Amino acid sequence: MKVFILGITGRTGNRIAQLLISQGHAVSGLYRRASDVSRLQDMGIHAVSGDIATIREHDLAKAIAGTDVLVFTAGAGEQDDESMIDAVDYGGVKKSVAALRLAGLSRLLLVSVFPEAAREKCFGGSFEHYMSAKKKADVEVANSGLDWVILRPSSLKDDPGTGRVSLGLANFHTEITRDDLASTVVALLNTPRITKKILELTEGDDPIASAVSAIQLA
């Protein structure tokens, strides 16, 4: 399987890439900083220069041509303003949908955000704007006509993964490790029969393979 990852230099995207490569899949992705090139290439990733916030749809379509699935796990940083949130978290998804159409491709997995993720915590003045952008992106994908999956993880943490999750159409929010999120993404990519579903992911008791199989059989 040929996978193109938007957000491949991030903590989640890089974990997804490592798992895919370990399974023998071909992985490509966008990078913004020249300092990332050698690290990505050393991992066996085909690195493509570009910024999802500014790249043109036609250029993105050229970059993803020939791939089997596009994984969108990019996101504006905590230090970014609302215009960057709009450009990446919503605009980047909208641009990706257009690029897939231009390239004649259809499969997209969007890593979104849990609907009520950590609302009790203070994330600063732009947090609700961020949630609004993510919601608009989900709607864009769900109405795209593509072969899509939207995965909404709980608040992310960098603790070691447990290999166990709770995955379903609706879930109560707790937390999820980036390791377990990445493993769930890869399991979903390896299960192409799961399509046009919005899934919510949090920590739980089910082995990831079993959780994904249950979704496939539902």
N, C-alpha and C. Protein backbone atom coordinates (compact mmCIF):
# COMPACT_ATOMS: atom_id res chain seq x y z
N MET A 1 0.84 -1.19 0.00
CA MET A 1 0.00 0.00 0.00
C MET A 1 0.88 1.25 0.00
N LYS A 2 0.51 2.23 -0.82
CA LYS A 2 1.22 3.50 -0.88
C LYS A 2 0.41 4.54 -0.13
N VAL A 3 1.03 5.12 0.90
CA VAL A 3 0.33 6.04 1.79
C VAL A 3 1.03 7.40 1.77
N PHE A 4 0.25 8.45 1.61
CA PHE A 4 0.78 9.82 1.69
C PHE A 4 0.23 10.44 2.97
N ILE A 5 1.14 10.98 3.80
CA ILE A 5 0.74 11.52 5.10
C ILE A 5 0.97 13.02 5.13
N LEU A 6 -0.08 13.76 5.40
CA LEU A 6 0.03 15.19 5.66
C LEU A 6 0.13 15.38 7.17
N GLY A 7 1.23 15.96 7.61
CA GLY A 7 1.54 16.03 9.02
C GLY A 7 2.57 14.98 9.42
N ILE A 8 3.35 14.52 8.46
CA ILE A 8 4.27 13.40 8.69
C ILE A 8 5.41 13.75 9.64
N THR A 9 5.72 15.03 9.79
CA THR A 9 6.80 15.42 10.70
C THR A 9 6.29 15.62 12.13
N GLY A 10 4.99 15.55 12.33
CA GLY A 10 4.42 15.72 13.66
C GLY A 10 4.53 14.45 14.49
N ARG A 11 4.20 14.57 15.76
CA ARG A 11 4.36 13.45 16.68
C ARG A 11 3.44 12.28 16.36
N THR A 12 2.26 12.57 15.84
CA THR A 12 1.35 11.49 15.46
C THR A 12 1.67 10.96 14.06
N GLY A 13 1.82 11.86 13.11
CA GLY A 13 2.10 11.45 11.75
C GLY A 13 3.37 10.64 11.62
N ASN A 14 4.40 11.01 12.39
CA ASN A 14 5.66 10.27 12.32
C ASN A 14 5.52 8.86 12.88
N ARG A 15 4.72 8.73 13.92
CA ARG A 15 4.47 7.39 14.47
C ARG A 15 3.72 6.52 13.46
N ILE A 16 2.74 7.10 12.78
CA ILE A 16 2.00 6.36 11.76
C ILE A 16 2.96 5.89 10.66
N ALA A 17 3.83 6.80 10.23
CA ALA A 17 4.79 6.47 9.17
C ALA A 17 5.70 5.31 9.59
N GLN A 18 6.21 5.35 10.81
CA GLN A 18 7.11 4.30 11.27
C GLN A 18 6.42 2.94 11.27
N LEU A 19 5.18 2.90 11.73
CA LEU A 19 4.45 1.64 11.76
C LEU A 19 4.20 1.11 10.35
N LEU A 20 3.80 2.00 9.44
CA LEU A 20 3.55 1.58 8.06
C LEU A 20 4.80 1.02 7.41
N ILE A 21 5.91 1.71 7.60
CA ILE A 21 7.18 1.26 7.01
C ILE A 21 7.58 -0.09 7.58
N SER A 22 7.37 -0.29 8.87
CA SER A 22 7.72 -1.57 9.50
C SER A 22 6.90 -2.72 8.92
N GLN A 23 5.74 -2.41 8.35
CA GLN A 23 4.88 -3.42 7.74
C GLN A 23 5.12 -3.56 6.23
N GLY A 24 6.07 -2.79 5.72
CA GLY A 24 6.42 -2.92 4.31
C GLY A 24 5.66 -2.01 3.36
N HIS A 25 4.90 -1.07 3.90
CA HIS A 25 4.18 -0.13 3.05
C HIS A 25 5.11 1.00 2.59
N ALA A 26 4.78 1.62 1.47
CA ALA A 26 5.52 2.77 0.94
C ALA A 26 4.89 4.04 1.48
N VAL A 27 5.71 4.93 2.04
CA VAL A 27 5.19 6.12 2.70
C VAL A 27 5.84 7.37 2.12
N SER A 28 5.00 8.38 1.85
CA SER A 28 5.46 9.69 1.40
C SER A 28 4.80 10.74 2.28
N GLY A 29 5.35 11.96 2.25
CA GLY A 29 4.73 13.02 3.03
C GLY A 29 5.36 14.37 2.78
N LEU A 30 4.63 15.43 3.14
CA LEU A 30 5.12 16.80 2.98
C LEU A 30 6.02 17.20 4.14
N TYR A 31 7.03 17.98 3.84
CA TYR A 31 7.86 18.58 4.88
C TYR A 31 8.00 20.07 4.58
N ARG A 32 8.15 20.88 5.64
CA ARG A 32 8.33 22.32 5.47
C ARG A 32 9.77 22.75 5.67
N ARG A 33 10.44 22.12 6.63
CA ARG A 33 11.80 22.54 7.01
C ARG A 33 12.84 21.64 6.36
N ALA A 34 13.87 22.26 5.80
CA ALA A 34 14.93 21.48 5.16
C ALA A 34 15.60 20.53 6.16
N SER A 35 15.58 20.90 7.42
CA SER A 35 16.21 20.07 8.45
C SER A 35 15.49 18.73 8.64
N ASP A 36 14.26 18.62 8.12
CA ASP A 36 13.51 17.37 8.27
C ASP A 36 13.85 16.34 7.20
N VAL A 37 14.46 16.78 6.10
CA VAL A 37 14.61 15.91 4.94
C VAL A 37 15.42 14.66 5.25
N SER A 38 16.61 14.84 5.82
CA SER A 38 17.49 13.69 6.05
C SER A 38 16.85 12.70 7.02
N ARG A 39 16.17 13.22 8.05
CA ARG A 39 15.52 12.32 9.02
C ARG A 39 14.44 11.49 8.35
N LEU A 40 13.62 12.12 7.51
CA LEU A 40 12.57 11.38 6.82
C LEU A 40 13.15 10.36 5.85
N GLN A 41 14.16 10.77 5.11
CA GLN A 41 14.78 9.86 4.15
C GLN A 41 15.45 8.68 4.85
N ASP A 42 16.06 8.93 6.00
CA ASP A 42 16.68 7.84 6.77
C ASP A 42 15.64 6.83 7.24
N MET A 43 14.41 7.28 7.43
CA MET A 43 13.33 6.38 7.82
C MET A 43 12.78 5.59 6.65
N GLY A 44 13.16 5.97 5.43
CA GLY A 44 12.62 5.31 4.24
C GLY A 44 11.41 6.00 3.67
N ILE A 45 11.21 7.27 4.05
CA ILE A 45 10.07 8.05 3.59
C ILE A 45 10.46 8.89 2.38
N HIS A 46 9.59 8.92 1.39
CA HIS A 46 9.78 9.81 0.24
C HIS A 46 9.30 11.20 0.65
N ALA A 47 10.23 12.11 0.86
CA ALA A 47 9.90 13.44 1.37
C ALA A 47 9.63 14.40 0.22
N VAL A 48 8.51 15.13 0.32
CA VAL A 48 8.09 16.08 -0.70
C VAL A 48 8.00 17.46 -0.06
N SER A 49 8.68 18.44 -0.63
CA SER A 49 8.67 19.79 -0.07
C SER A 49 7.32 20.45 -0.28
N GLY A 50 6.78 21.01 0.81
CA GLY A 50 5.50 21.70 0.70
C GLY A 50 4.90 22.00 2.06
N ASP A 51 4.02 22.96 2.09
CA ASP A 51 3.33 23.39 3.31
C ASP A 51 1.83 23.31 3.04
N ILE A 52 1.11 22.52 3.81
CA ILE A 52 -0.32 22.34 3.55
C ILE A 52 -1.08 23.66 3.64
N ALA A 53 -0.55 24.62 4.39
CA ALA A 53 -1.24 25.91 4.52
C ALA A 53 -1.17 26.73 3.24
N THR A 54 -0.13 26.51 2.43
CA THR A 54 0.08 27.38 1.28
C THR A 54 0.15 26.65 -0.06
N ILE A 55 0.33 25.35 -0.06
CA ILE A 55 0.47 24.62 -1.31
C ILE A 55 -0.81 24.73 -2.14
N ARG A 56 -0.67 24.80 -3.45
CA ARG A 56 -1.83 24.88 -4.34
C ARG A 56 -2.43 23.49 -4.55
N GLU A 57 -3.72 23.46 -4.81
CA GLU A 57 -4.41 22.17 -4.98
C GLU A 57 -3.76 21.33 -6.07
N HIS A 58 -3.40 21.94 -7.20
CA HIS A 58 -2.82 21.18 -8.31
C HIS A 58 -1.45 20.62 -7.93
N ASP A 59 -0.69 21.38 -7.15
CA ASP A 59 0.62 20.88 -6.72
C ASP A 59 0.47 19.74 -5.73
N LEU A 60 -0.52 19.83 -4.85
CA LEU A 60 -0.77 18.74 -3.92
C LEU A 60 -1.24 17.51 -4.67
N ALA A 61 -2.07 17.71 -5.69
CA ALA A 61 -2.55 16.59 -6.49
C ALA A 61 -1.37 15.87 -7.17
N LYS A 62 -0.40 16.63 -7.65
CA LYS A 62 0.79 16.02 -8.26
C LYS A 62 1.58 15.23 -7.22
N ALA A 63 1.67 15.78 -6.00
CA ALA A 63 2.45 15.13 -4.95
C ALA A 63 1.85 13.80 -4.54
N ILE A 64 0.52 13.72 -4.51
CA ILE A 64 -0.13 12.50 -4.03
C ILE A 64 -0.48 11.52 -5.15
N ALA A 65 -0.20 11.88 -6.39
CA ALA A 65 -0.55 11.01 -7.52
C ALA A 65 0.06 9.62 -7.34
N GLY A 66 -0.74 8.61 -7.59
CA GLY A 66 -0.26 7.24 -7.53
C GLY A 66 -0.33 6.60 -6.16
N THR A 67 -0.76 7.34 -5.15
CA THR A 67 -0.87 6.76 -3.82
C THR A 67 -2.25 6.11 -3.65
N ASP A 68 -2.33 5.21 -2.68
CA ASP A 68 -3.59 4.49 -2.44
C ASP A 68 -4.48 5.20 -1.45
N VAL A 69 -3.87 5.92 -0.51
CA VAL A 69 -4.67 6.56 0.54
C VAL A 69 -3.92 7.78 1.06
N LEU A 70 -4.68 8.82 1.35
CA LEU A 70 -4.13 10.04 1.94
C LEU A 70 -4.55 10.08 3.40
N VAL A 71 -3.57 10.25 4.28
CA VAL A 71 -3.83 10.39 5.72
C VAL A 71 -3.59 11.84 6.11
N PHE A 72 -4.61 12.47 6.67
CA PHE A 72 -4.47 13.87 7.11
C PHE A 72 -4.39 13.91 8.63
N THR A 73 -3.20 14.21 9.13
CA THR A 73 -3.01 14.34 10.56
C THR A 73 -2.30 15.64 10.91
N ALA A 74 -2.32 16.58 9.96
CA ALA A 74 -1.70 17.89 10.18
C ALA A 74 -2.57 18.73 11.10
N GLY A 75 -1.95 19.69 11.75
CA GLY A 75 -2.70 20.61 12.60
C GLY A 75 -1.87 21.83 12.92
N ALA A 76 -2.54 22.95 13.08
CA ALA A 76 -1.84 24.17 13.49
C ALA A 76 -1.29 23.97 14.90
N GLY A 77 -0.19 24.64 15.20
CA GLY A 77 0.41 24.53 16.52
C GLY A 77 -0.27 25.41 17.54
N GLU A 78 0.01 25.15 18.82
CA GLU A 78 -0.60 25.94 19.89
C GLU A 78 -0.25 27.41 19.80
N GLN A 79 0.90 27.71 19.18
CA GLN A 79 1.34 29.09 19.08
C GLN A 79 0.74 29.82 17.88
N ASP A 80 0.04 29.08 17.01
CA ASP A 80 -0.50 29.67 15.79
C ASP A 80 -1.79 30.44 16.06
N ASP A 81 -2.02 31.47 15.24
CA ASP A 81 -3.23 32.28 15.41
C ASP A 81 -4.41 31.64 14.66
N GLU A 82 -5.57 32.30 14.74
CA GLU A 82 -6.78 31.73 14.15
C GLU A 82 -6.70 31.63 12.63
N SER A 83 -5.97 32.54 12.00
CA SER A 83 -5.85 32.46 10.54
C SER A 83 -5.09 31.20 10.13
N MET A 84 -4.09 30.81 10.92
CA MET A 84 -3.35 29.58 10.61
C MET A 84 -4.19 28.35 10.92
N ILE A 85 -4.98 28.41 11.96
CA ILE A 85 -5.92 27.31 12.25
C ILE A 85 -6.85 27.10 11.06
N ASP A 86 -7.39 28.20 10.54
CA ASP A 86 -8.27 28.11 9.38
C ASP A 86 -7.55 27.54 8.17
N ALA A 87 -6.29 27.95 7.98
CA ALA A 87 -5.54 27.54 6.80
C ALA A 87 -5.15 26.07 6.84
N VAL A 88 -4.90 25.54 8.03
CA VAL A 88 -4.44 24.15 8.16
C VAL A 88 -5.58 23.21 8.51
N ASP A 89 -6.25 23.46 9.62
CA ASP A 89 -7.20 22.50 10.16
C ASP A 89 -8.49 22.41 9.35
N TYR A 90 -8.88 23.51 8.70
CA TYR A 90 -10.02 23.45 7.79
C TYR A 90 -9.57 23.56 6.33
N GLY A 91 -8.83 24.62 6.03
CA GLY A 91 -8.41 24.85 4.64
C GLY A 91 -7.57 23.71 4.10
N GLY A 92 -6.71 23.14 4.93
CA GLY A 92 -5.86 22.03 4.48
C GLY A 92 -6.67 20.81 4.13
N VAL A 93 -7.73 20.55 4.90
CA VAL A 93 -8.60 19.41 4.61
C VAL A 93 -9.39 19.65 3.33
N LYS A 94 -9.94 20.85 3.20
CA LYS A 94 -10.70 21.18 1.99
C LYS A 94 -9.81 21.06 0.75
N LYS A 95 -8.58 21.53 0.88
CA LYS A 95 -7.62 21.45 -0.22
C LYS A 95 -7.28 19.98 -0.54
N SER A 96 -7.18 19.15 0.48
CA SER A 96 -6.88 17.74 0.29
C SER A 96 -7.99 17.03 -0.46
N VAL A 97 -9.23 17.35 -0.13
CA VAL A 97 -10.37 16.76 -0.83
C VAL A 97 -10.31 17.13 -2.32
N ALA A 98 -10.03 18.40 -2.59
CA ALA A 98 -9.94 18.85 -3.99
C ALA A 98 -8.78 18.17 -4.71
N ALA A 99 -7.64 18.02 -4.03
CA ALA A 99 -6.47 17.40 -4.64
C ALA A 99 -6.73 15.93 -4.95
N LEU A 100 -7.42 15.23 -4.07
CA LEU A 100 -7.76 13.84 -4.33
C LEU A 100 -8.60 13.71 -5.60
N ARG A 101 -9.55 14.60 -5.74
CA ARG A 101 -10.39 14.57 -6.95
C ARG A 101 -9.55 14.85 -8.19
N LEU A 102 -8.69 15.84 -8.12
CA LEU A 102 -7.84 16.18 -9.26
C LEU A 102 -6.92 15.02 -9.65
N ALA A 103 -6.45 14.29 -8.65
CA ALA A 103 -5.53 13.18 -8.90
C ALA A 103 -6.25 11.89 -9.25
N GLY A 104 -7.59 11.91 -9.22
CA GLY A 104 -8.35 10.71 -9.52
C GLY A 104 -8.29 9.67 -8.43
N LEU A 105 -8.09 10.12 -7.20
CA LEU A 105 -8.00 9.23 -6.04
C LEU A 105 -9.24 9.41 -5.17
N SER A 106 -9.46 8.47 -4.25
CA SER A 106 -10.70 8.57 -3.48
C SER A 106 -10.56 8.29 -1.99
N ARG A 107 -9.46 7.67 -1.56
CA ARG A 107 -9.42 7.21 -0.17
C ARG A 107 -8.73 8.23 0.74
N LEU A 108 -9.41 8.57 1.83
CA LEU A 108 -8.91 9.59 2.77
C LEU A 108 -9.22 9.16 4.20
N LEU A 109 -8.22 9.22 5.06
CA LEU A 109 -8.42 9.03 6.49
C LEU A 109 -8.04 10.33 7.19
N LEU A 110 -9.01 10.94 7.85
CA LEU A 110 -8.81 12.21 8.53
C LEU A 110 -8.73 11.98 10.04
N VAL A 111 -7.62 12.37 10.65
CA VAL A 111 -7.52 12.38 12.10
C VAL A 111 -8.06 13.73 12.57
N SER A 112 -9.20 13.69 13.21
CA SER A 112 -9.88 14.91 13.62
C SER A 112 -9.68 15.14 15.12
N VAL A 113 -10.75 15.45 15.83
CA VAL A 113 -10.65 15.72 17.27
C VAL A 113 -11.93 15.23 17.93
N PHE A 114 -11.81 14.76 19.16
CA PHE A 114 -12.96 14.31 19.91
C PHE A 114 -13.92 15.47 20.14
N PRO A 115 -15.23 15.31 19.94
CA PRO A 115 -16.16 16.44 19.98
C PRO A 115 -16.08 17.28 21.24
N GLU A 116 -15.95 16.62 22.41
CA GLU A 116 -15.92 17.39 23.65
C GLU A 116 -14.56 17.31 24.33
N ALA A 117 -13.50 17.15 23.52
CA ALA A 117 -12.17 16.87 24.06
C ALA A 117 -11.70 17.95 25.03
N ALA A 118 -11.60 17.58 26.33
CA ALA A 118 -10.98 18.41 27.36
C ALA A 118 -11.55 19.81 27.42
N ARG A 119 -12.86 19.95 27.21
CA ARG A 119 -13.47 21.28 27.28
C ARG A 119 -13.32 21.91 28.67
N GLU A 120 -13.10 21.04 29.69
CA GLU A 120 -12.99 21.57 31.04
C GLU A 120 -11.63 22.23 31.29
N LYS A 121 -10.70 22.03 30.38
CA LYS A 121 -9.37 22.61 30.53
C LYS A 121 -9.30 23.94 29.77
N CYS A 122 -8.34 24.75 30.10
CA CYS A 122 -8.18 26.05 29.44
C CYS A 122 -7.10 25.94 28.36
N PHE A 123 -7.47 26.11 27.12
CA PHE A 123 -6.52 26.04 26.02
C PHE A 123 -6.28 27.41 25.38
N GLY A 124 -6.79 28.45 26.00
CA GLY A 124 -6.59 29.78 25.43
C GLY A 124 -7.75 30.19 24.55
N GLY A 125 -7.68 31.42 24.09
CA GLY A 125 -8.80 32.02 23.38
C GLY A 125 -9.12 31.42 22.04
N SER A 126 -8.19 30.70 21.43
CA SER A 126 -8.42 30.17 20.09
C SER A 126 -8.94 28.74 20.09
N PHE A 127 -9.13 28.15 21.27
CA PHE A 127 -9.51 26.74 21.30
C PHE A 127 -10.87 26.49 20.66
N GLU A 128 -11.86 27.31 20.96
CA GLU A 128 -13.17 27.11 20.35
C GLU A 128 -13.13 27.36 18.85
N HIS A 129 -12.28 28.28 18.41
CA HIS A 129 -12.10 28.50 16.97
C HIS A 129 -11.50 27.24 16.33
N TYR A 130 -10.56 26.62 17.03
CA TYR A 130 -9.95 25.38 16.57
C TYR A 130 -11.00 24.28 16.44
N MET A 131 -11.86 24.16 17.46
CA MET A 131 -12.91 23.14 17.42
C MET A 131 -13.88 23.40 16.27
N SER A 132 -14.18 24.67 16.01
CA SER A 132 -15.06 25.02 14.91
C SER A 132 -14.44 24.65 13.57
N ALA A 133 -13.14 24.92 13.42
CA ALA A 133 -12.44 24.57 12.17
C ALA A 133 -12.44 23.06 11.96
N LYS A 134 -12.23 22.31 13.02
CA LYS A 134 -12.22 20.85 12.92
C LYS A 134 -13.61 20.33 12.51
N LYS A 135 -14.65 20.93 13.07
CA LYS A 135 -16.00 20.50 12.72
C LYS A 135 -16.29 20.77 11.24
N LYS A 136 -15.90 21.94 10.76
CA LYS A 136 -16.10 22.26 9.35
C LYS A 136 -15.33 21.28 8.46
N ALA A 137 -14.15 20.88 8.90
CA ALA A 137 -13.36 19.93 8.13
C ALA A 137 -14.06 18.57 8.08
N ASP A 138 -14.61 18.13 9.22
CA ASP A 138 -15.35 16.87 9.24
C ASP A 138 -16.52 16.89 8.26
N VAL A 139 -17.25 18.01 8.26
CA VAL A 139 -18.40 18.14 7.35
C VAL A 139 -17.94 18.12 5.90
N GLU A 140 -16.82 18.79 5.61
CA GLU A 140 -16.27 18.81 4.26
C GLU A 140 -15.97 17.39 3.77
N VAL A 141 -15.35 16.60 4.62
CA VAL A 141 -14.99 15.23 4.26
C VAL A 141 -16.23 14.34 4.14
N ALA A 142 -17.14 14.44 5.11
CA ALA A 142 -18.32 13.59 5.11
C ALA A 142 -19.21 13.83 3.90
N ASN A 143 -19.17 15.03 3.35
CA ASN A 143 -19.98 15.37 2.18
C ASN A 143 -19.20 15.31 0.86
N SER A 144 -17.99 14.78 0.91
CA SER A 144 -17.10 14.83 -0.25
C SER A 144 -17.42 13.80 -1.32
N GLY A 145 -18.09 12.72 -0.93
CA GLY A 145 -18.31 11.63 -1.88
C GLY A 145 -17.12 10.71 -2.02
N LEU A 146 -16.06 10.97 -1.26
CA LEU A 146 -14.86 10.15 -1.31
C LEU A 146 -15.03 8.90 -0.45
N ASP A 147 -14.03 8.06 -0.47
CA ASP A 147 -13.97 6.85 0.35
C ASP A 147 -13.25 7.23 1.64
N TRP A 148 -14.00 7.72 2.63
CA TRP A 148 -13.38 8.37 3.78
C TRP A 148 -13.64 7.65 5.10
N VAL A 149 -12.73 7.90 6.04
CA VAL A 149 -12.94 7.57 7.45
C VAL A 149 -12.48 8.79 8.25
N ILE A 150 -13.29 9.21 9.21
CA ILE A 150 -12.93 10.28 10.13
C ILE A 150 -12.71 9.64 11.50
N LEU A 151 -11.52 9.82 12.06
CA LEU A 151 -11.19 9.27 13.37
C LEU A 151 -11.04 10.42 14.36
N ARG A 152 -11.84 10.39 15.42
CA ARG A 152 -11.81 11.45 16.42
C ARG A 152 -11.18 10.94 17.71
N PRO A 153 -9.90 11.22 17.93
CA PRO A 153 -9.26 10.75 19.16
C PRO A 153 -9.50 11.69 20.34
N SER A 154 -9.41 11.12 21.54
CA SER A 154 -9.46 11.92 22.77
C SER A 154 -8.21 12.78 22.87
N SER A 155 -8.09 13.50 23.97
CA SER A 155 -6.88 14.29 24.24
C SER A 155 -5.66 13.38 24.16
N LEU A 156 -4.63 13.85 23.48
CA LEU A 156 -3.47 13.02 23.20
C LEU A 156 -2.41 13.16 24.28
N LYS A 157 -1.75 12.04 24.58
CA LYS A 157 -0.63 12.07 25.51
C LYS A 157 0.50 11.23 24.94
N ASP A 158 1.73 11.49 25.39
CA ASP A 158 2.91 10.86 24.83
C ASP A 158 3.40 9.67 25.64
N ASP A 159 2.59 9.16 26.56
CA ASP A 159 2.95 7.96 27.31
C ASP A 159 3.06 6.76 26.37
N PRO A 160 3.77 5.72 26.77
CA PRO A 160 3.83 4.52 25.93
C PRO A 160 2.45 3.93 25.69
N GLY A 161 2.23 3.41 24.51
CA GLY A 161 0.93 2.83 24.18
C GLY A 161 0.66 1.56 24.96
N THR A 162 -0.61 1.25 25.10
CA THR A 162 -1.03 0.03 25.80
C THR A 162 -1.47 -1.06 24.84
N GLY A 163 -1.78 -0.66 23.60
CA GLY A 163 -2.31 -1.62 22.63
C GLY A 163 -3.77 -1.91 22.82
N ARG A 164 -4.41 -1.19 23.75
CA ARG A 164 -5.83 -1.40 24.03
C ARG A 164 -6.58 -0.07 23.96
N VAL A 165 -7.76 -0.10 23.36
CA VAL A 165 -8.51 1.14 23.14
C VAL A 165 -10.00 0.88 23.27
N SER A 166 -10.77 1.94 23.19
CA SER A 166 -12.21 1.87 22.98
C SER A 166 -12.50 2.63 21.70
N LEU A 167 -13.06 1.94 20.71
CA LEU A 167 -13.31 2.52 19.40
C LEU A 167 -14.77 2.28 19.04
N GLY A 168 -15.47 3.36 18.70
CA GLY A 168 -16.87 3.19 18.36
C GLY A 168 -17.46 4.41 17.69
N LEU A 169 -18.73 4.34 17.36
CA LEU A 169 -19.40 5.46 16.72
C LEU A 169 -19.59 6.61 17.69
N ALA A 170 -19.62 6.31 18.99
CA ALA A 170 -19.70 7.33 20.03
C ALA A 170 -18.96 6.81 21.25
N ASN A 171 -18.37 7.72 22.01
CA ASN A 171 -17.57 7.30 23.15
C ASN A 171 -17.55 8.41 24.19
N PHE A 172 -17.29 8.03 25.43
CA PHE A 172 -17.02 9.02 26.46
C PHE A 172 -15.55 9.42 26.38
N HIS A 173 -15.29 10.69 26.54
CA HIS A 173 -13.93 11.20 26.43
C HIS A 173 -13.09 10.90 27.66
N THR A 174 -11.88 10.36 27.43
CA THR A 174 -10.86 10.30 28.47
C THR A 174 -9.56 10.81 27.85
N GLU A 175 -8.62 9.91 27.57
CA GLU A 175 -7.36 10.25 26.89
C GLU A 175 -6.97 9.09 25.99
N ILE A 176 -5.96 9.31 25.15
CA ILE A 176 -5.42 8.26 24.29
C ILE A 176 -3.95 8.58 24.04
N THR A 177 -3.10 7.57 24.03
CA THR A 177 -1.69 7.80 23.70
C THR A 177 -1.53 7.96 22.20
N ARG A 178 -0.53 8.72 21.82
CA ARG A 178 -0.24 8.86 20.39
C ARG A 178 0.15 7.51 19.78
N ASP A 179 0.83 6.66 20.56
CA ASP A 179 1.18 5.33 20.06
C ASP A 179 -0.08 4.54 19.69
N ASP A 180 -1.08 4.56 20.59
CA ASP A 180 -2.30 3.80 20.32
C ASP A 180 -3.13 4.43 19.21
N LEU A 181 -3.10 5.75 19.11
CA LEU A 181 -3.75 6.42 17.99
C LEU A 181 -3.12 5.99 16.68
N ALA A 182 -1.79 6.02 16.61
CA ALA A 182 -1.09 5.64 15.39
C ALA A 182 -1.39 4.19 15.01
N SER A 183 -1.37 3.31 16.00
CA SER A 183 -1.64 1.89 15.73
C SER A 183 -3.07 1.69 15.23
N THR A 184 -4.01 2.47 15.76
CA THR A 184 -5.40 2.37 15.30
C THR A 184 -5.54 2.87 13.87
N VAL A 185 -4.86 3.98 13.55
CA VAL A 185 -4.89 4.50 12.19
C VAL A 185 -4.38 3.44 11.21
N VAL A 186 -3.26 2.81 11.54
CA VAL A 186 -2.68 1.81 10.64
C VAL A 186 -3.61 0.61 10.51
N ALA A 187 -4.23 0.20 11.61
CA ALA A 187 -5.18 -0.92 11.54
C ALA A 187 -6.37 -0.57 10.64
N LEU A 188 -6.84 0.66 10.71
CA LEU A 188 -7.94 1.09 9.84
C LEU A 188 -7.49 1.15 8.38
N LEU A 189 -6.27 1.62 8.14
CA LEU A 189 -5.76 1.65 6.77
C LEU A 189 -5.66 0.25 6.18
N ASN A 190 -5.35 -0.72 7.03
CA ASN A 190 -5.24 -2.11 6.59
C ASN A 190 -6.59 -2.81 6.49
N THR A 191 -7.67 -2.06 6.77
CA THR A 191 -9.02 -2.62 6.70
C THR A 191 -9.87 -1.74 5.79
N PRO A 192 -9.64 -1.80 4.49
CA PRO A 192 -10.30 -0.88 3.56
C PRO A 192 -11.81 -1.03 3.49
N ARG A 193 -12.35 -2.12 4.02
CA ARG A 193 -13.81 -2.29 4.00
C ARG A 193 -14.49 -1.30 4.95
N ILE A 194 -13.74 -0.77 5.90
CA ILE A 194 -14.32 0.24 6.79
C ILE A 194 -14.27 1.57 6.07
N THR A 195 -15.41 2.10 5.74
CA THR A 195 -15.46 3.33 4.96
C THR A 195 -16.71 4.13 5.32
N LYS A 196 -16.63 5.43 5.10
CA LYS A 196 -17.73 6.36 5.38
C LYS A 196 -18.26 6.20 6.81
N LYS A 197 -17.32 6.18 7.75
CA LYS A 197 -17.66 6.09 9.16
C LYS A 197 -16.92 7.17 9.95
N ILE A 198 -17.60 7.75 10.91
CA ILE A 198 -16.97 8.64 11.88
C ILE A 198 -16.80 7.84 13.17
N LEU A 199 -15.56 7.66 13.58
CA LEU A 199 -15.24 6.81 14.72
C LEU A 199 -14.58 7.62 15.83
N GLU A 200 -14.94 7.32 17.06
CA GLU A 200 -14.35 8.00 18.21
C GLU A 200 -13.46 7.04 18.97
N LEU A 201 -12.28 7.53 19.35
CA LEU A 201 -11.23 6.69 19.92
C LEU A 201 -10.77 7.23 21.26
N THR A 202 -10.73 6.36 22.24
CA THR A 202 -10.21 6.73 23.55
C THR A 202 -9.57 5.50 24.17
N GLU A 203 -8.94 5.66 25.33
CA GLU A 203 -8.33 4.51 25.97
C GLU A 203 -9.41 3.53 26.40
N GLY A 204 -9.06 2.25 26.45
CA GLY A 204 -10.05 1.24 26.78
C GLY A 204 -9.42 -0.11 27.00
N ASP A 205 -10.24 -1.14 26.92
CA ASP A 205 -9.80 -2.50 27.26
C ASP A 205 -9.67 -3.42 26.05
N ASP A 206 -10.09 -2.97 24.88
CA ASP A 206 -10.10 -3.85 23.71
C ASP A 206 -8.77 -3.79 22.95
N PRO A 207 -8.18 -4.94 22.64
CA PRO A 207 -7.01 -4.92 21.76
C PRO A 207 -7.35 -4.19 20.46
N ILE A 208 -6.40 -3.43 19.93
CA ILE A 208 -6.70 -2.59 18.77
C ILE A 208 -7.22 -3.42 17.60
N ALA A 209 -6.61 -4.56 17.33
CA ALA A 209 -7.06 -5.39 16.20
C ALA A 209 -8.51 -5.82 16.40
N SER A 210 -8.87 -6.19 17.63
CA SER A 210 -10.24 -6.62 17.91
C SER A 210 -11.21 -5.45 17.78
N ALA A 211 -10.79 -4.28 18.24
CA ALA A 211 -11.66 -3.09 18.16
C ALA A 211 -11.96 -2.73 16.71
N VAL A 212 -10.95 -2.81 15.86
CA VAL A 212 -11.15 -2.50 14.44
C VAL A 212 -11.98 -3.59 13.76
N SER A 213 -11.75 -4.84 14.11
CA SER A 213 -12.54 -5.93 13.54
C SER A 213 -14.01 -5.80 13.88
N ALA A 214 -14.28 -5.36 15.12
CA ALA A 214 -15.67 -5.18 15.54
C ALA A 214 -16.37 -4.10 14.72
N ILE A 215 -15.64 -3.05 14.38
CA ILE A 215 -16.20 -1.98 13.54
C ILE A 215 -16.49 -2.53 12.15
N GLN A 216 -15.60 -3.35 11.63
CA GLN A 216 -15.77 -3.92 10.29
C GLN A 216 -17.01 -4.80 10.24
N LEU A 217 -17.28 -5.51 11.32
CA LEU A 217 -18.39 -6.46 11.34
C LEU A 217 -19.72 -5.80 11.68
N ALA A 218 -19.65 -4.56 12.18
CA ALA A 218 -20.89 -3.89 12.64
C ALA A 218 -21.80 -3.57 11.47
